[in-house]
Amino acid sequence: MIALIVGILFIAFAVFAVVPGPLAWWQDVLAFLRGSLPVMAALVGLVAAFIGVADIKDRVEAKKEEAEEARQAADSAAEAKAGK
Protein backbone atom coordinates (compact mmCIF):
# COMPACT_ATOMS: atom_id res chain seq x y z
CA MET A 1 0.00 0.00 0.00
CA ILE A 2 2.85 2.35 0.83
CA ALA A 3 4.53 1.57 -2.47
CA LEU A 4 1.33 2.50 -4.32
CA ILE A 5 1.08 5.82 -2.52
CA VAL A 6 4.75 6.61 -3.13
CA GLY A 7 4.35 5.68 -6.80
CA ILE A 8 1.35 7.96 -7.20
CA LEU A 9 3.25 10.80 -5.48
CA PHE A 10 6.22 10.38 -7.82
CA ILE A 11 3.96 10.36 -10.89
CA ALA A 12 2.22 13.50 -9.63
CA PHE A 13 5.58 15.22 -9.07
CA ALA A 14 6.76 14.24 -12.56
CA VAL A 15 3.64 15.72 -14.13
CA PHE A 16 3.95 18.85 -11.98
CA ALA A 17 7.62 19.23 -12.93
CA VAL A 18 7.06 19.18 -16.70
CA VAL A 19 3.93 21.33 -16.97
CA PRO A 20 4.35 25.08 -17.39
CA GLY A 21 4.55 26.61 -13.96
CA PRO A 22 7.03 27.02 -11.14
CA LEU A 23 9.46 24.28 -12.21
CA ALA A 24 8.79 24.06 -15.98
CA TRP A 25 11.36 21.33 -16.61
CA TRP A 26 9.83 20.30 -19.96
CA GLN A 27 12.79 21.59 -21.99
CA ASP A 28 15.20 19.73 -19.72
CA VAL A 29 13.14 16.55 -20.05
CA LEU A 30 13.19 16.87 -23.84
CA ALA A 31 16.96 17.42 -23.82
CA PHE A 32 17.41 14.32 -21.67
CA LEU A 33 15.18 12.23 -23.94
CA ARG A 34 17.02 13.44 -27.05
CA GLY A 35 20.36 12.63 -25.46
CA SER A 36 19.34 9.22 -24.18
CA LEU A 37 17.58 8.09 -27.34
CA PRO A 38 20.71 6.67 -29.05
CA VAL A 39 21.67 4.79 -25.89
CA MET A 40 18.16 3.38 -25.49
CA ALA A 41 18.09 2.38 -29.17
CA ALA A 42 21.42 0.56 -28.77
CA LEU A 43 20.19 -1.29 -25.69
CA VAL A 44 16.92 -2.28 -27.36
CA GLY A 45 18.85 -3.46 -30.42
CA LEU A 46 21.20 -5.50 -28.25
CA VAL A 47 18.32 -7.16 -26.43
CA ALA A 48 16.58 -7.87 -29.75
CA ALA A 49 19.78 -9.43 -31.13
CA PHE A 50 20.11 -11.68 -28.06
CA ILE A 51 16.48 -12.74 -28.39
CA GLY A 52 17.00 -13.48 -32.10
CA VAL A 53 20.08 -15.60 -31.42
CA ALA A 54 18.26 -17.52 -28.67
CA ASP A 55 15.32 -18.10 -31.03
CA ILE A 56 17.61 -19.47 -33.73
CA LYS A 57 19.29 -21.79 -31.21
CA ASP A 58 15.88 -23.02 -30.02
CA ARG A 59 14.79 -23.77 -33.59
CA VAL A 60 17.99 -25.70 -34.32
CA GLU A 61 17.57 -27.67 -31.09
CA ALA A 62 13.91 -28.42 -31.94
CA LYS A 63 14.92 -29.70 -35.38
CA LYS A 64 17.55 -31.96 -33.79
CA GLU A 65 14.99 -33.33 -31.34
CA GLU A 66 12.47 -33.95 -34.13
CA ALA A 67 15.10 -35.74 -36.20
CA GLU A 68 16.08 -37.87 -33.18
CA GLU A 69 12.42 -38.75 -32.50
CA ALA A 70 11.88 -39.66 -36.15
CA ARG A 71 15.01 -41.84 -36.13
CA GLN A 72 13.85 -43.57 -32.94
CA ALA A 73 10.39 -44.14 -34.42
CA ALA A 74 11.92 -45.60 -37.57
CA ASP A 75 14.21 -47.84 -35.51
CA SER A 76 11.34 -49.13 -33.37
CA ALA A 77 9.21 -49.73 -36.47
CA ALA A 78 12.07 -51.67 -38.08
CA GLU A 79 12.53 -53.74 -34.91
CA ALA A 80 8.82 -54.48 -34.75
CA LYS A 81 8.80 -55.52 -38.40
CA ALA A 82 11.88 -57.71 -37.92
CA GLY A 83 10.31 -59.34 -34.86
CA LYS A 84 7.26 -60.57 -36.79
PDB file of N, CA and C in Angstrom:
ATOM      1  N   MET A   1       0.823  -1.187   0.000  1.00  0.00           N
ATOM      2  CA  MET A   1       0.000   0.000   0.000  1.00  0.00           C
ATOM      3  C   MET A   1       0.871   1.256   0.000  1.00  0.00           C
ATOM      4  N   ILE A   2       1.949   1.202   0.774  1.00  0.00           N
ATOM      5  CA  ILE A   2       2.848   2.353   0.834  1.00  0.00           C
ATOM      6  C   ILE A   2       3.512   2.564  -0.526  1.00  0.00           C
ATOM      7  N   ALA A   3       3.883   1.453  -1.168  1.00  0.00           N
ATOM      8  CA  ALA A   3       4.528   1.565  -2.475  1.00  0.00           C
ATOM      9  C   ALA A   3       3.587   2.217  -3.485  1.00  0.00           C
ATOM     10  N   LEU A   4       2.306   1.897  -3.422  1.00  0.00           N
ATOM     11  CA  LEU A   4       1.328   2.496  -4.324  1.00  0.00           C
ATOM     12  C   LEU A   4       1.226   4.002  -4.093  1.00  0.00           C
ATOM     13  N   ILE A   5       1.177   4.396  -2.853  1.00  0.00           N
ATOM     14  CA  ILE A   5       1.084   5.824  -2.524  1.00  0.00           C
ATOM     15  C   ILE A   5       2.339   6.561  -2.979  1.00  0.00           C
ATOM     16  N   VAL A   6       3.498   5.987  -2.708  1.00  0.00           N
ATOM     17  CA  VAL A   6       4.754   6.610  -3.134  1.00  0.00           C
ATOM     18  C   VAL A   6       4.811   6.702  -4.654  1.00  0.00           C
ATOM     19  N   GLY A   7       4.370   5.662  -5.334  1.00  0.00           N
ATOM     20  CA  GLY A   7       4.350   5.680  -6.796  1.00  0.00           C
ATOM     21  C   GLY A   7       3.453   6.774  -7.338  1.00  0.00           C
ATOM     22  N   ILE A   8       2.278   6.909  -6.766  1.00  0.00           N
ATOM     23  CA  ILE A   8       1.350   7.963  -7.201  1.00  0.00           C
ATOM     24  C   ILE A   8       1.946   9.342  -6.930  1.00  0.00           C
ATOM     25  N   LEU A   9       2.611   9.510  -5.793  1.00  0.00           N
ATOM     26  CA  LEU A   9       3.253  10.796  -5.481  1.00  0.00           C
ATOM     27  C   LEU A   9       4.351  11.129  -6.484  1.00  0.00           C
ATOM     28  N   PHE A  10       5.164  10.139  -6.846  1.00  0.00           N
ATOM     29  CA  PHE A  10       6.221  10.378  -7.824  1.00  0.00           C
ATOM     30  C   PHE A  10       5.658  10.713  -9.200  1.00  0.00           C
ATOM     31  N   ILE A  11       4.594  10.043  -9.599  1.00  0.00           N
ATOM     32  CA  ILE A  11       3.956  10.361 -10.887  1.00  0.00           C
ATOM     33  C   ILE A  11       3.408  11.784 -10.859  1.00  0.00           C
ATOM     34  N   ALA A  12       2.764  12.148  -9.760  1.00  0.00           N
ATOM     35  CA  ALA A  12       2.215  13.505  -9.630  1.00  0.00           C
ATOM     36  C   ALA A  12       3.337  14.540  -9.689  1.00  0.00           C
ATOM     37  N   PHE A  13       4.458  14.276  -9.021  1.00  0.00           N
ATOM     38  CA  PHE A  13       5.578  15.216  -9.066  1.00  0.00           C
ATOM     39  C   PHE A  13       6.136  15.327 -10.479  1.00  0.00           C
ATOM     40  N   ALA A  14       6.235  14.196 -11.192  1.00  0.00           N
ATOM     41  CA  ALA A  14       6.757  14.236 -12.559  1.00  0.00           C
ATOM     42  C   ALA A  14       5.866  15.073 -13.455  1.00  0.00           C
ATOM     43  N   VAL A  15       4.564  14.914 -13.330  1.00  0.00           N
ATOM     44  CA  VAL A  15       3.640  15.721 -14.130  1.00  0.00           C
ATOM     45  C   VAL A  15       3.759  17.189 -13.735  1.00  0.00           C
ATOM     46  N   PHE A  16       3.817  17.477 -12.452  1.00  0.00           N
ATOM     47  CA  PHE A  16       3.954  18.855 -11.980  1.00  0.00           C
ATOM     48  C   PHE A  16       5.257  19.494 -12.471  1.00  0.00           C
ATOM     49  N   ALA A  17       6.310  18.689 -12.545  1.00  0.00           N
ATOM     50  CA  ALA A  17       7.617  19.229 -12.930  1.00  0.00           C
ATOM     51  C   ALA A  17       7.681  19.599 -14.402  1.00  0.00           C
ATOM     52  N   VAL A  18       6.941  18.914 -15.257  1.00  0.00           N
ATOM     53  CA  VAL A  18       7.064  19.178 -16.697  1.00  0.00           C
ATOM     54  C   VAL A  18       6.013  20.146 -17.226  1.00  0.00           C
ATOM     55  N   VAL A  19       4.939  20.382 -16.493  1.00  0.00           N
ATOM     56  CA  VAL A  19       3.934  21.329 -16.967  1.00  0.00           C
ATOM     57  C   VAL A  19       4.435  22.755 -16.769  1.00  0.00           C
ATOM     58  N   PRO A  20       3.942  23.675 -17.594  1.00  0.00           N
ATOM     59  CA  PRO A  20       4.354  25.076 -17.387  1.00  0.00           C
ATOM     60  C   PRO A  20       3.936  25.536 -15.992  1.00  0.00           C
ATOM     61  N   GLY A  21       4.825  26.167 -15.314  1.00  0.00           N
ATOM     62  CA  GLY A  21       4.548  26.611 -13.959  1.00  0.00           C
ATOM     63  C   GLY A  21       5.834  26.915 -13.235  1.00  0.00           C
ATOM     64  N   PRO A  22       5.855  26.653 -11.929  1.00  0.00           N
ATOM     65  CA  PRO A  22       7.031  27.020 -11.136  1.00  0.00           C
ATOM     66  C   PRO A  22       8.313  26.300 -11.564  1.00  0.00           C
ATOM     67  N   LEU A  23       8.245  25.012 -11.851  1.00  0.00           N
ATOM     68  CA  LEU A  23       9.463  24.282 -12.212  1.00  0.00           C
ATOM     69  C   LEU A  23       9.717  24.320 -13.713  1.00  0.00           C
ATOM     70  N   ALA A  24       8.716  24.020 -14.513  1.00  0.00           N
ATOM     71  CA  ALA A  24       8.791  24.063 -15.976  1.00  0.00           C
ATOM     72  C   ALA A  24      10.049  23.372 -16.503  1.00  0.00           C
ATOM     73  N   TRP A  25      10.192  22.106 -16.194  1.00  0.00           N
ATOM     74  CA  TRP A  25      11.362  21.331 -16.614  1.00  0.00           C
ATOM     75  C   TRP A  25      11.174  20.665 -17.964  1.00  0.00           C
ATOM     76  N   TRP A  26      10.128  20.995 -18.712  1.00  0.00           N
ATOM     77  CA  TRP A  26       9.826  20.301 -19.957  1.00  0.00           C
ATOM     78  C   TRP A  26      10.996  20.348 -20.931  1.00  0.00           C
ATOM     79  N   GLN A  27      11.659  21.483 -21.068  1.00  0.00           N
ATOM     80  CA  GLN A  27      12.794  21.586 -21.994  1.00  0.00           C
ATOM     81  C   GLN A  27      13.945  20.688 -21.539  1.00  0.00           C
ATOM     82  N   ASP A  28      14.161  20.615 -20.243  1.00  0.00           N
ATOM     83  CA  ASP A  28      15.204  19.728 -19.719  1.00  0.00           C
ATOM     84  C   ASP A  28      14.854  18.263 -19.969  1.00  0.00           C
ATOM     85  N   VAL A  29      13.585  17.920 -19.795  1.00  0.00           N
ATOM     86  CA  VAL A  29      13.140  16.548 -20.046  1.00  0.00           C
ATOM     87  C   VAL A  29      13.339  16.206 -21.517  1.00  0.00           C
ATOM     88  N   LEU A  30      12.989  17.112 -22.412  1.00  0.00           N
ATOM     89  CA  LEU A  30      13.191  16.872 -23.844  1.00  0.00           C
ATOM     90  C   LEU A  30      14.670  16.716 -24.176  1.00  0.00           C
ATOM     91  N   ALA A  31      15.523  17.534 -23.583  1.00  0.00           N
ATOM     92  CA  ALA A  31      16.960  17.417 -23.823  1.00  0.00           C
ATOM     93  C   ALA A  31      17.478  16.066 -23.338  1.00  0.00           C
ATOM     94  N   PHE A  32      17.002  15.626 -22.184  1.00  0.00           N
ATOM     95  CA  PHE A  32      17.405  14.316 -21.666  1.00  0.00           C
ATOM     96  C   PHE A  32      16.950  13.196 -22.600  1.00  0.00           C
ATOM     97  N   LEU A  33      15.699  13.269 -23.052  1.00  0.00           N
ATOM     98  CA  LEU A  33      15.182  12.234 -23.943  1.00  0.00           C
ATOM     99  C   LEU A  33      15.940  12.208 -25.264  1.00  0.00           C
ATOM    100  N   ARG A  34      16.246  13.378 -25.809  1.00  0.00           N
ATOM    101  CA  ARG A  34      17.016  13.435 -27.047  1.00  0.00           C
ATOM    102  C   ARG A  34      18.416  12.860 -26.847  1.00  0.00           C
ATOM    103  N   GLY A  35      19.013  13.129 -25.721  1.00  0.00           N
ATOM    104  CA  GLY A  35      20.357  12.630 -25.456  1.00  0.00           C
ATOM    105  C   GLY A  35      20.394  11.141 -25.161  1.00  0.00           C
ATOM    106  N   SER A  36      19.347  10.634 -24.551  1.00  0.00           N
ATOM    107  CA  SER A  36      19.342   9.223 -24.176  1.00  0.00           C
ATOM    108  C   SER A  36      18.770   8.321 -25.265  1.00  0.00           C
ATOM    109  N   LEU A  37      18.186   8.897 -26.290  1.00  0.00           N
ATOM    110  CA  LEU A  37      17.579   8.086 -27.344  1.00  0.00           C
ATOM    111  C   LEU A  37      18.573   7.155 -28.038  1.00  0.00           C
ATOM    112  N   PRO A  38      19.769   7.606 -28.433  1.00  0.00           N
ATOM    113  CA  PRO A  38      20.708   6.668 -29.053  1.00  0.00           C
ATOM    114  C   PRO A  38      21.124   5.527 -28.123  1.00  0.00           C
ATOM    115  N   VAL A  39      21.298   5.831 -26.844  1.00  0.00           N
ATOM    116  CA  VAL A  39      21.671   4.788 -25.888  1.00  0.00           C
ATOM    117  C   VAL A  39      20.536   3.786 -25.728  1.00  0.00           C
ATOM    118  N   MET A  40      19.310   4.283 -25.609  1.00  0.00           N
ATOM    119  CA  MET A  40      18.160   3.380 -25.487  1.00  0.00           C
ATOM    120  C   MET A  40      17.996   2.538 -26.745  1.00  0.00           C
ATOM    121  N   ALA A  41      18.202   3.132 -27.919  1.00  0.00           N
ATOM    122  CA  ALA A  41      18.094   2.384 -29.169  1.00  0.00           C
ATOM    123  C   ALA A  41      19.147   1.283 -29.230  1.00  0.00           C
ATOM    124  N   ALA A  42      20.363   1.577 -28.783  1.00  0.00           N
ATOM    125  CA  ALA A  42      21.421   0.562 -28.769  1.00  0.00           C
ATOM    126  C   ALA A  42      21.071  -0.575 -27.814  1.00  0.00           C
ATOM    127  N   LEU A  43      20.552  -0.252 -26.647  1.00  0.00           N
ATOM    128  CA  LEU A  43      20.191  -1.288 -25.685  1.00  0.00           C
ATOM    129  C   LEU A  43      19.035  -2.156 -26.197  1.00  0.00           C
ATOM    130  N   VAL A  44      18.041  -1.521 -26.798  1.00  0.00           N
ATOM    131  CA  VAL A  44      16.916  -2.284 -27.358  1.00  0.00           C
ATOM    132  C   VAL A  44      17.406  -3.171 -28.501  1.00  0.00           C
ATOM    133  N   GLY A  45      18.284  -2.653 -29.330  1.00  0.00           N
ATOM    134  CA  GLY A  45      18.851  -3.456 -30.415  1.00  0.00           C
ATOM    135  C   GLY A  45      19.654  -4.630 -29.894  1.00  0.00           C
ATOM    136  N   LEU A  46      20.417  -4.420 -28.839  1.00  0.00           N
ATOM    137  CA  LEU A  46      21.202  -5.496 -28.247  1.00  0.00           C
ATOM    138  C   LEU A  46      20.303  -6.588 -27.682  1.00  0.00           C
ATOM    139  N   VAL A  47      19.262  -6.184 -26.980  1.00  0.00           N
ATOM    140  CA  VAL A  47      18.318  -7.163 -26.435  1.00  0.00           C
ATOM    141  C   VAL A  47      17.626  -7.920 -27.568  1.00  0.00           C
ATOM    142  N   ALA A  48      17.232  -7.218 -28.624  1.00  0.00           N
ATOM    143  CA  ALA A  48      16.583  -7.873 -29.753  1.00  0.00           C
ATOM    144  C   ALA A  48      17.526  -8.865 -30.425  1.00  0.00           C
ATOM    145  N   ALA A  49      18.802  -8.515 -30.533  1.00  0.00           N
ATOM    146  CA  ALA A  49      19.776  -9.434 -31.133  1.00  0.00           C
ATOM    147  C   ALA A  49      19.930 -10.685 -30.272  1.00  0.00           C
ATOM    148  N   PHE A  50      20.012 -10.519 -28.945  1.00  0.00           N
ATOM    149  CA  PHE A  50      20.107 -11.679 -28.056  1.00  0.00           C
ATOM    150  C   PHE A  50      18.878 -12.571 -28.171  1.00  0.00           C
ATOM    151  N   ILE A  51      17.716 -11.963 -28.259  1.00  0.00           N
ATOM    152  CA  ILE A  51      16.485 -12.739 -28.393  1.00  0.00           C
ATOM    153  C   ILE A  51      16.480 -13.483 -29.727  1.00  0.00           C
ATOM    154  N   GLY A  52      16.937 -12.828 -30.790  1.00  0.00           N
ATOM    155  CA  GLY A  52      16.998 -13.476 -32.096  1.00  0.00           C
ATOM    156  C   GLY A  52      17.945 -14.658 -32.105  1.00  0.00           C
ATOM    157  N   VAL A  53      19.118 -14.503 -31.486  1.00  0.00           N
ATOM    158  CA  VAL A  53      20.084 -15.605 -31.420  1.00  0.00           C
ATOM    159  C   VAL A  53      19.506 -16.767 -30.612  1.00  0.00           C
ATOM    160  N   ALA A  54      18.871 -16.467 -29.496  1.00  0.00           N
ATOM    161  CA  ALA A  54      18.263 -17.518 -28.672  1.00  0.00           C
ATOM    162  C   ALA A  54      17.159 -18.237 -29.441  1.00  0.00           C
ATOM    163  N   ASP A  55      16.387 -17.498 -30.227  1.00  0.00           N
ATOM    164  CA  ASP A  55      15.319 -18.102 -31.028  1.00  0.00           C
ATOM    165  C   ASP A  55      15.897 -19.040 -32.081  1.00  0.00           C
ATOM    166  N   ILE A  56      16.968 -18.620 -32.727  1.00  0.00           N
ATOM    167  CA  ILE A  56      17.614 -19.473 -33.735  1.00  0.00           C
ATOM    168  C   ILE A  56      18.148 -20.740 -33.080  1.00  0.00           C
ATOM    169  N   LYS A  57      18.784 -20.608 -31.921  1.00  0.00           N
ATOM    170  CA  LYS A  57      19.293 -21.789 -31.210  1.00  0.00           C
ATOM    171  C   LYS A  57      18.153 -22.725 -30.832  1.00  0.00           C
ATOM    172  N   ASP A  58      17.027 -22.185 -30.381  1.00  0.00           N
ATOM    173  CA  ASP A  58      15.879 -23.021 -30.024  1.00  0.00           C
ATOM    174  C   ASP A  58      15.342 -23.767 -31.233  1.00  0.00           C
ATOM    175  N   ARG A  59      15.288 -23.094 -32.376  1.00  0.00           N
ATOM    176  CA  ARG A  59      14.792 -23.767 -33.588  1.00  0.00           C
ATOM    177  C   ARG A  59      15.718 -24.893 -34.012  1.00  0.00           C
ATOM    178  N   VAL A  60      17.026 -24.660 -33.952  1.00  0.00           N
ATOM    179  CA  VAL A  60      17.987 -25.703 -34.318  1.00  0.00           C
ATOM    180  C   VAL A  60      17.849 -26.886 -33.364  1.00  0.00           C
ATOM    181  N   GLU A  61      17.733 -26.612 -32.077  1.00  0.00           N
ATOM    182  CA  GLU A  61      17.569 -27.675 -31.087  1.00  0.00           C
ATOM    183  C   GLU A  61      16.264 -28.446 -31.322  1.00  0.00           C
ATOM    184  N   ALA A  62      15.191 -27.751 -31.667  1.00  0.00           N
ATOM    185  CA  ALA A  62      13.915 -28.421 -31.938  1.00  0.00           C
ATOM    186  C   ALA A  62      14.026 -29.326 -33.157  1.00  0.00           C
ATOM    187  N   LYS A  63      14.730 -28.861 -34.193  1.00  0.00           N
ATOM    188  CA  LYS A  63      14.917 -29.701 -35.380  1.00  0.00           C
ATOM    189  C   LYS A  63      15.725 -30.944 -35.036  1.00  0.00           C
ATOM    190  N   LYS A  64      16.753 -30.798 -34.199  1.00  0.00           N
ATOM    191  CA  LYS A  64      17.551 -31.958 -33.794  1.00  0.00           C
ATOM    192  C   LYS A  64      16.696 -32.948 -33.027  1.00  0.00           C
ATOM    193  N   GLU A  65      15.859 -32.445 -32.118  1.00  0.00           N
ATOM    194  CA  GLU A  65      14.993 -33.327 -31.342  1.00  0.00           C
ATOM    195  C   GLU A  65      13.989 -34.036 -32.238  1.00  0.00           C
ATOM    196  N   GLU A  66      13.417 -33.326 -33.208  1.00  0.00           N
ATOM    197  CA  GLU A  66      12.471 -33.953 -34.133  1.00  0.00           C
ATOM    198  C   GLU A  66      13.150 -35.030 -34.960  1.00  0.00           C
ATOM    199  N   ALA A  67      14.367 -34.753 -35.416  1.00  0.00           N
ATOM    200  CA  ALA A  67      15.101 -35.742 -36.201  1.00  0.00           C
ATOM    201  C   ALA A  67      15.416 -36.966 -35.346  1.00  0.00           C
ATOM    202  N   GLU A  68      15.777 -36.757 -34.090  1.00  0.00           N
ATOM    203  CA  GLU A  68      16.075 -37.868 -33.179  1.00  0.00           C
ATOM    204  C   GLU A  68      14.819 -38.696 -32.927  1.00  0.00           C
ATOM    205  N   GLU A  69      13.678 -38.025 -32.714  1.00  0.00           N
ATOM    206  CA  GLU A  69      12.424 -38.747 -32.503  1.00  0.00           C
ATOM    207  C   GLU A  69      12.032 -39.535 -33.740  1.00  0.00           C
ATOM    208  N   ALA A  70      12.217 -38.950 -34.911  1.00  0.00           N
ATOM    209  CA  ALA A  70      11.881 -39.656 -36.153  1.00  0.00           C
ATOM    210  C   ALA A  70      12.790 -40.868 -36.330  1.00  0.00           C
ATOM    211  N   ARG A  71      14.075 -40.715 -36.004  1.00  0.00           N
ATOM    212  CA  ARG A  71      15.008 -41.842 -36.127  1.00  0.00           C
ATOM    213  C   ARG A  71      14.634 -42.948 -35.153  1.00  0.00           C
ATOM    214  N   GLN A  72      14.256 -42.571 -33.920  1.00  0.00           N
ATOM    215  CA  GLN A  72      13.851 -43.575 -32.939  1.00  0.00           C
ATOM    216  C   GLN A  72      12.567 -44.274 -33.368  1.00  0.00           C
ATOM    217  N   ALA A  73      11.638 -43.549 -33.941  1.00  0.00           N
ATOM    218  CA  ALA A  73      10.389 -44.144 -34.424  1.00  0.00           C
ATOM    219  C   ALA A  73      10.670 -45.111 -35.558  1.00  0.00           C
ATOM    220  N   ALA A  74      11.575 -44.725 -36.457  1.00  0.00           N
ATOM    221  CA  ALA A  74      11.919 -45.603 -37.566  1.00  0.00           C
ATOM    222  C   ALA A  74      12.633 -46.837 -37.066  1.00  0.00           C
ATOM    223  N   ASP A  75      13.518 -46.692 -36.082  1.00  0.00           N
ATOM    224  CA  ASP A  75      14.210 -47.839 -35.514  1.00  0.00           C
ATOM    225  C   ASP A  75      13.239 -48.796 -34.830  1.00  0.00           C
ATOM    226  N   SER A  76      12.305 -48.266 -34.076  1.00  0.00           N
ATOM    227  CA  SER A  76      11.339 -49.129 -33.373  1.00  0.00           C
ATOM    228  C   SER A  76      10.405 -49.797 -34.373  1.00  0.00           C
ATOM    229  N   ALA A  77      10.057 -49.116 -35.453  1.00  0.00           N
ATOM    230  CA  ALA A  77       9.214 -49.731 -36.473  1.00  0.00           C
ATOM    231  C   ALA A  77       9.972 -50.853 -37.185  1.00  0.00           C
ATOM    232  N   ALA A  78      11.253 -50.632 -37.431  1.00  0.00           N
ATOM    233  CA  ALA A  78      12.069 -51.674 -38.079  1.00  0.00           C
ATOM    234  C   ALA A  78      12.240 -52.885 -37.159  1.00  0.00           C
ATOM    235  N   GLU A  79      12.408 -52.646 -35.871  1.00  0.00           N
ATOM    236  CA  GLU A  79      12.530 -53.741 -34.915  1.00  0.00           C
ATOM    237  C   GLU A  79      11.227 -54.517 -34.814  1.00  0.00           C
ATOM    238  N   ALA A  80      10.113 -53.810 -34.826  1.00  0.00           N
ATOM    239  CA  ALA A  80       8.815 -54.481 -34.752  1.00  0.00           C
ATOM    240  C   ALA A  80       8.579 -55.319 -35.997  1.00  0.00           C
ATOM    241  N   LYS A  81       8.982 -54.802 -37.141  1.00  0.00           N
ATOM    242  CA  LYS A  81       8.804 -55.519 -38.398  1.00  0.00           C
ATOM    243  C   LYS A  81       9.719 -56.741 -38.438  1.00  0.00           C
ATOM    244  N   ALA A  82      10.920 -56.598 -37.932  1.00  0.00           N
ATOM    245  CA  ALA A  82      11.876 -57.711 -37.916  1.00  0.00           C
ATOM    246  C   ALA A  82      11.438 -58.777 -36.919  1.00  0.00           C
ATOM    247  N   GLY A  83      10.750 -58.396 -35.884  1.00  0.00           N
ATOM    248  CA  GLY A  83      10.305 -59.339 -34.859  1.00  0.00           C
ATOM    249  C   GLY A  83       9.145 -60.196 -35.315  1.00  0.00           C
ATOM    250  N   LYS A  84       8.435 -59.810 -36.334  1.00  0.00           N
ATOM    251  CA  LYS A  84       7.255 -60.570 -36.786  1.00  0.00           C
ATOM    252  C   LYS A  84       7.655 -61.785 -37.499  1.00  0.00           C
TER     253      LYS A  84
END
